[in-house]
C-alpha atoms as a PDB file:
ATOM      1  CA  MET A   1       0.011  -0.002   0.035  1.00  0.00           C
ATOM      2  CA  SER A   2       1.358   3.428  -0.917  1.00  0.00           C
ATOM      3  CA  PRO A   3       1.839   6.065   1.799  1.00  0.00           C
ATOM      4  CA  LEU A   4      -1.027   8.449   2.629  1.00  0.00           C
ATOM      5  CA  ARG A   5      -0.129  12.130   2.118  1.00  0.00           C
ATOM      6  CA  PHE A   6      -1.836  15.220   3.495  1.00  0.00           C
ATOM      7  CA  LYS A   7      -1.472  18.968   3.476  1.00  0.00           C
ATOM      8  CA  THR A   8      -1.530  20.253   7.092  1.00  0.00           C
ATOM      9  CA  THR A   9      -1.093  23.298   9.315  1.00  0.00           C
ATOM     10  CA  ILE A  10       1.544  21.449  11.388  1.00  0.00           C
ATOM     11  CA  ASN A  11       4.328  24.014  10.832  1.00  0.00           C
ATOM     12  CA  CYS A  12       6.880  23.758  13.655  1.00  0.00           C
ATOM     13  CA  GLY A  13       8.464  21.577  16.248  1.00  0.00           C
ATOM     14  CA  GLY A  14       5.880  22.644  18.832  1.00  0.00           C
ATOM     15  CA  CYS A  15       3.084  21.678  16.477  1.00  0.00           C
ATOM     16  CA  ILE A  16       4.649  18.262  15.914  1.00  0.00           C
ATOM     17  CA  LYS A  17       4.913  17.833  19.673  1.00  0.00           C
ATOM     18  CA  ALA A  18       1.223  18.688  20.027  1.00  0.00           C
ATOM     19  CA  VAL A  19       0.077  16.201  17.387  1.00  0.00           C
ATOM     20  CA  THR A  20       2.465  13.361  18.290  1.00  0.00           C
ATOM     21  CA  PRO A  21       0.225  11.686  20.945  1.00  0.00           C
ATOM     22  CA  SER A  22      -2.779  11.575  18.641  1.00  0.00           C
ATOM     23  CA  LEU A  23      -0.891  10.298  15.648  1.00  0.00           C
ATOM     24  CA  ASN A  24       1.139   7.824  17.602  1.00  0.00           C
ATOM     25  CA  LYS A  25      -2.103   6.396  19.057  1.00  0.00           C
ATOM     26  CA  GLU A  26      -3.736   6.074  15.642  1.00  0.00           C
ATOM     27  CA  VAL A  27      -0.897   5.100  13.284  1.00  0.00           C
ATOM     28  CA  GLY A  28       1.968   4.156  15.606  1.00  0.00           C
ATOM     29  CA  ALA A  29       5.271   5.812  16.323  1.00  0.00           C
ATOM     30  CA  ASN A  30       7.732   5.890  13.374  1.00  0.00           C
ATOM     31  CA  ASN A  31       4.848   5.434  10.879  1.00  0.00           C
ATOM     32  CA  TRP A  32       4.424   9.118  10.136  1.00  0.00           C
ATOM     33  CA  GLN A  33       6.456  12.313   9.498  1.00  0.00           C
ATOM     34  CA  VAL A  34       5.779  15.923   8.722  1.00  0.00           C
ATOM     35  CA  ASP A  35       7.898  17.891   6.224  1.00  0.00           C
ATOM     36  CA  THR A  36       7.811  21.318   7.840  1.00  0.00           C
ATOM     37  CA  ALA A  37      10.238  22.683   5.186  1.00  0.00           C
ATOM     38  CA  ASN A  38       7.546  22.106   2.523  1.00  0.00           C
ATOM     39  CA  PRO A  39       5.190  25.081   2.106  1.00  0.00           C
ATOM     40  CA  ASP A  40       2.252  22.649   2.360  1.00  0.00           C
ATOM     41  CA  LYS A  41       3.564  21.032   5.554  1.00  0.00           C
ATOM     42  CA  ILE A  42       3.136  17.543   4.135  1.00  0.00           C
ATOM     43  CA  LEU A  43       2.227  14.752   6.519  1.00  0.00           C
ATOM     44  CA  THR A  44       3.192  11.288   5.209  1.00  0.00           C
ATOM     45  CA  VAL A  45       1.778   8.211   6.854  1.00  0.00           C
ATOM     46  CA  THR A  46       3.534   4.946   5.989  1.00  0.00           C
ATOM     47  CA  SER A  47       1.411   2.459   7.991  1.00  0.00           C
ATOM     48  CA  GLY A  48      -0.766   0.375   5.747  1.00  0.00           C
ATOM     49  CA  GLN A  49      -2.967  -0.466   8.731  1.00  0.00           C
ATOM     50  CA  VAL A  50      -4.677   2.896   9.015  1.00  0.00           C
ATOM     51  CA  SER A  51      -7.481   4.588   7.111  1.00  0.00           C
ATOM     52  CA  MET A  52      -7.503   8.105   5.764  1.00  0.00           C
ATOM     53  CA  ALA A  53     -10.432   8.867   8.127  1.00  0.00           C
ATOM     54  CA  GLN A  54      -8.330   7.813  11.166  1.00  0.00           C
ATOM     55  CA  VAL A  55      -5.512  10.144  10.235  1.00  0.00           C
ATOM     56  CA  LEU A  56      -7.857  13.033   9.532  1.00  0.00           C
ATOM     57  CA  ALA A  57      -9.552  12.554  12.921  1.00  0.00           C
ATOM     58  CA  ALA A  58      -6.259  12.302  14.794  1.00  0.00           C
ATOM     59  CA  VAL A  59      -4.858  15.491  13.386  1.00  0.00           C
ATOM     60  CA  GLU A  60      -8.097  17.442  13.688  1.00  0.00           C
ATOM     61  CA  GLN A  61      -8.437  16.288  17.333  1.00  0.00           C
ATOM     62  CA  ALA A  62      -5.030  17.790  17.987  1.00  0.00           C
ATOM     63  CA  GLY A  63      -6.321  21.125  16.649  1.00  0.00           C
ATOM     64  CA  PHE A  64      -4.781  21.236  13.180  1.00  0.00           C
ATOM     65  CA  LYS A  65      -6.248  21.502   9.716  1.00  0.00           C
ATOM     66  CA  ILE A  66      -5.608  18.624   7.329  1.00  0.00           C
ATOM     67  CA  THR A  67      -6.509  17.944   3.688  1.00  0.00           C
ATOM     68  CA  PRO A  68      -5.794  14.723   1.768  1.00  0.00           C
ATOM     69  CA  LEU A  69      -3.517  15.098  -1.264  1.00  0.00           C
ATOM     70  CA  SER A  70      -4.411  13.190  -4.362  1.00  0.00           C
ATOM     71  CA  GLU A  71      -1.522  11.339  -5.864  1.00  0.00           C
END
């Protein structure tokens, strides 16, 4: 399964720290990363065991905006 990619408002280390508990719970530690150097703040989820809806809910629960990217 290919990675899931999302445009987010996770734009700094503090934001990553805030979203980490939610994402780790849903997708597992080491199964996601955010490219804060990219203007779209791309979140990539590499776990094949998680749905797009689970990722959207986890990020929104942490207080950030998230939009799926079409590949």
